[in-house]
């Protein structure tokens, strides 16, 4: 019997997947626990509509990410950092700092987890930082670190 899974089931399949299940397994386990529905024409049409909606949503998110990448190419945020004598830097610039300045100065909201920074920036001058906005969409931002 063909069924559409409504939840991830270990060893069986993932949510919204159409699988072949034995009649007894489907009727005695999957249906009573509301883990699956029968793959009839009505349910298949609902599944197709749901999948089309999800793919459209993902496409829109990807387009938005590409627009942000284009915007990042045109800006150059300046970060002030405390320095001592001889240009010695105190602390450093973190992904959180970059995210906050982008949001405050340029109205670009990027989560700090998407900013690919292995460790904080501890040198003055220009630094290029990569930003992973979406699957397959990676941008680069040039950050100018200046003494306070």
Protein backbone atom coordinates (compact mmCIF):
# COMPACT_ATOMS: atom_id res chain seq x y z
CA UNK A 1 0.00 0.00 0.00
CA UNK A 2 1.32 3.45 -0.89
CA UNK A 3 1.30 5.96 1.97
CA UNK A 4 2.47 9.55 2.49
CA UNK A 5 4.48 10.00 5.67
CA UNK A 6 3.40 12.87 7.91
CA UNK A 7 6.50 12.71 10.11
CA UNK A 8 10.09 11.44 9.97
CA UNK A 9 10.20 7.76 10.94
CA UNK A 10 13.60 6.26 11.58
CA UNK A 11 14.29 3.37 9.24
CA UNK A 12 11.17 4.04 7.16
CA UNK A 13 11.40 7.48 5.57
CA UNK A 14 11.20 11.22 5.90
CA UNK A 15 8.23 13.58 6.16
CA UNK A 16 6.22 14.09 2.92
CA UNK A 17 7.82 11.03 1.32
CA UNK A 18 5.67 8.48 -0.55
CA UNK A 19 6.59 4.92 0.42
CA UNK A 20 5.28 1.39 -0.02
CA UNK A 21 4.23 -0.07 3.32
CA UNK A 22 2.60 -3.42 4.04
CA UNK A 23 -1.16 -3.23 4.57
CA UNK A 24 -0.94 -4.39 8.17
CA UNK A 25 1.85 -1.94 9.10
CA UNK A 26 -0.06 0.95 7.53
CA UNK A 27 -3.48 0.11 9.03
CA UNK A 28 -2.31 -1.03 12.47
CA UNK A 29 0.59 1.35 13.16
CA UNK A 30 0.99 4.30 10.77
CA UNK A 31 -2.67 5.36 10.40
CA UNK A 32 -3.75 5.07 14.09
CA UNK A 33 -0.68 7.03 15.26
CA UNK A 34 -1.27 9.63 12.53
CA UNK A 35 2.20 9.06 11.09
CA UNK A 36 0.91 8.56 7.54
CA UNK A 37 -2.09 8.94 5.25
CA UNK A 38 -3.11 6.83 2.28
CA UNK A 39 -1.61 8.02 -1.00
CA UNK A 40 -4.92 8.56 -2.83
CA UNK A 41 -5.50 11.21 -5.50
CA UNK A 42 -6.68 13.88 -3.04
CA UNK A 43 -3.73 13.47 -0.67
CA UNK A 44 -1.25 13.32 -3.56
CA UNK A 45 -2.67 16.62 -4.90
CA UNK A 46 -2.25 18.21 -1.44
CA UNK A 47 1.33 16.92 -1.25
CA UNK A 48 2.14 18.30 -4.71
CA UNK A 49 0.71 21.70 -3.76
CA UNK A 50 2.73 21.72 -0.54
CA UNK A 51 5.94 20.79 -2.40
CA UNK A 52 5.33 23.46 -5.04
CA UNK A 53 4.79 26.04 -2.31
CA UNK A 54 8.00 25.04 -0.53
CA UNK A 55 10.06 25.17 -3.73
CA UNK A 56 8.65 28.62 -4.55
CA UNK A 57 9.47 29.83 -1.03
CA UNK A 58 13.04 28.50 -1.30
CA UNK A 59 13.46 30.18 -4.69
CA UNK A 60 12.30 33.51 -3.24
CA UNK A 61 14.72 33.18 -0.30
CA UNK A 62 17.55 32.45 -2.72
CA UNK A 63 16.67 35.54 -4.81
CA UNK A 64 16.64 37.69 -1.64
CA UNK A 65 20.05 36.29 -0.68
CA UNK A 66 21.44 37.18 -4.14
CA UNK A 67 20.15 40.76 -3.75
CA UNK A 68 21.88 41.04 -0.38
CA UNK A 69 25.14 39.76 -1.94
CA UNK A 70 24.94 42.53 -4.55
CA UNK A 71 24.33 45.09 -1.80
CA UNK A 72 27.31 43.79 0.20
CA UNK A 73 29.62 44.40 -2.79
CA UNK A 74 28.82 48.12 -2.75
CA UNK A 75 29.31 48.85 0.95
CA UNK A 76 32.40 49.05 3.15
CA UNK A 77 31.55 49.23 6.85
CA UNK A 78 34.02 50.93 9.16
CA UNK A 79 34.56 49.37 12.57
CA UNK A 80 36.29 51.34 15.33
CA UNK A 81 38.42 49.35 17.73
CA UNK A 82 40.40 50.38 20.79
CA UNK A 83 44.13 50.46 20.28
CA UNK A 84 47.05 51.18 22.54
CA UNK A 85 50.49 52.53 21.81
CA UNK A 86 52.23 51.26 18.67
CA UNK A 87 48.87 50.27 17.16
CA UNK A 88 48.36 47.30 19.50
CA UNK A 89 44.71 46.17 19.30
CA UNK A 90 42.64 45.48 22.42
CA UNK A 91 39.99 42.82 21.92
CA UNK A 92 38.86 42.26 18.38
CA UNK A 93 36.00 42.51 15.91
CA UNK A 94 33.62 39.54 16.05
CA UNK A 95 30.90 38.28 13.72
CA UNK A 96 28.36 39.76 16.15
CA UNK A 97 29.95 43.21 15.79
CA UNK A 98 29.84 42.98 11.99
CA UNK A 99 26.22 41.82 12.06
CA UNK A 100 25.23 44.71 14.35
CA UNK A 101 26.92 47.40 12.24
CA UNK A 102 25.36 46.04 9.04
CA UNK A 103 21.94 46.14 10.66
CA UNK A 104 22.41 49.58 12.25
CA UNK A 105 24.18 51.50 9.47
CA UNK A 106 23.01 49.76 6.28
CA UNK A 107 19.71 48.13 7.35
CA UNK A 108 20.95 44.70 6.22
CA UNK A 109 19.88 42.00 8.64
CA UNK A 110 22.36 39.10 8.57
CA UNK A 111 22.54 36.53 11.35
CA UNK A 112 25.97 36.41 13.01
CA UNK A 113 26.11 32.64 12.38
CA UNK A 114 26.14 33.24 8.64
CA UNK A 115 29.27 35.41 8.85
CA UNK A 116 32.22 33.08 8.29
CA UNK A 117 34.78 34.31 10.79
CA UNK A 118 37.04 31.68 12.36
CA UNK A 119 38.30 34.04 15.06
CA UNK A 120 37.91 37.72 15.82
CA UNK A 121 39.76 40.23 13.66
CA UNK A 122 42.70 41.62 15.63
CA UNK A 123 44.47 43.74 13.04
CA UNK A 124 43.89 47.24 11.73
CA UNK A 125 43.19 47.80 8.06
CA UNK A 126 40.97 46.19 5.45
CA UNK A 127 39.75 42.64 5.94
CA UNK A 128 37.57 40.57 3.61
CA UNK A 129 34.99 38.38 5.33
CA UNK A 130 32.88 35.76 3.59
CA UNK A 131 29.14 35.54 4.32
CA UNK A 132 27.15 32.36 3.64
CA UNK A 133 23.65 33.70 3.09
CA UNK A 134 21.96 30.66 1.56
CA UNK A 135 22.85 27.25 0.17
CA UNK A 136 25.06 28.03 -2.82
CA UNK A 137 24.92 31.82 -2.27
CA UNK A 138 28.12 33.15 -0.71
CA UNK A 139 28.98 36.83 -0.55
CA UNK A 140 32.00 38.77 0.57
CA UNK A 141 32.12 41.93 2.62
CA UNK A 142 35.09 44.25 3.02
CA UNK A 143 35.40 45.54 6.57
CA UNK A 144 37.64 48.51 7.33
CA UNK A 145 39.08 48.31 10.89
CA UNK A 146 40.18 51.74 12.13
CA UNK A 147 41.59 52.85 15.49
CA UNK A 148 39.23 54.57 17.90
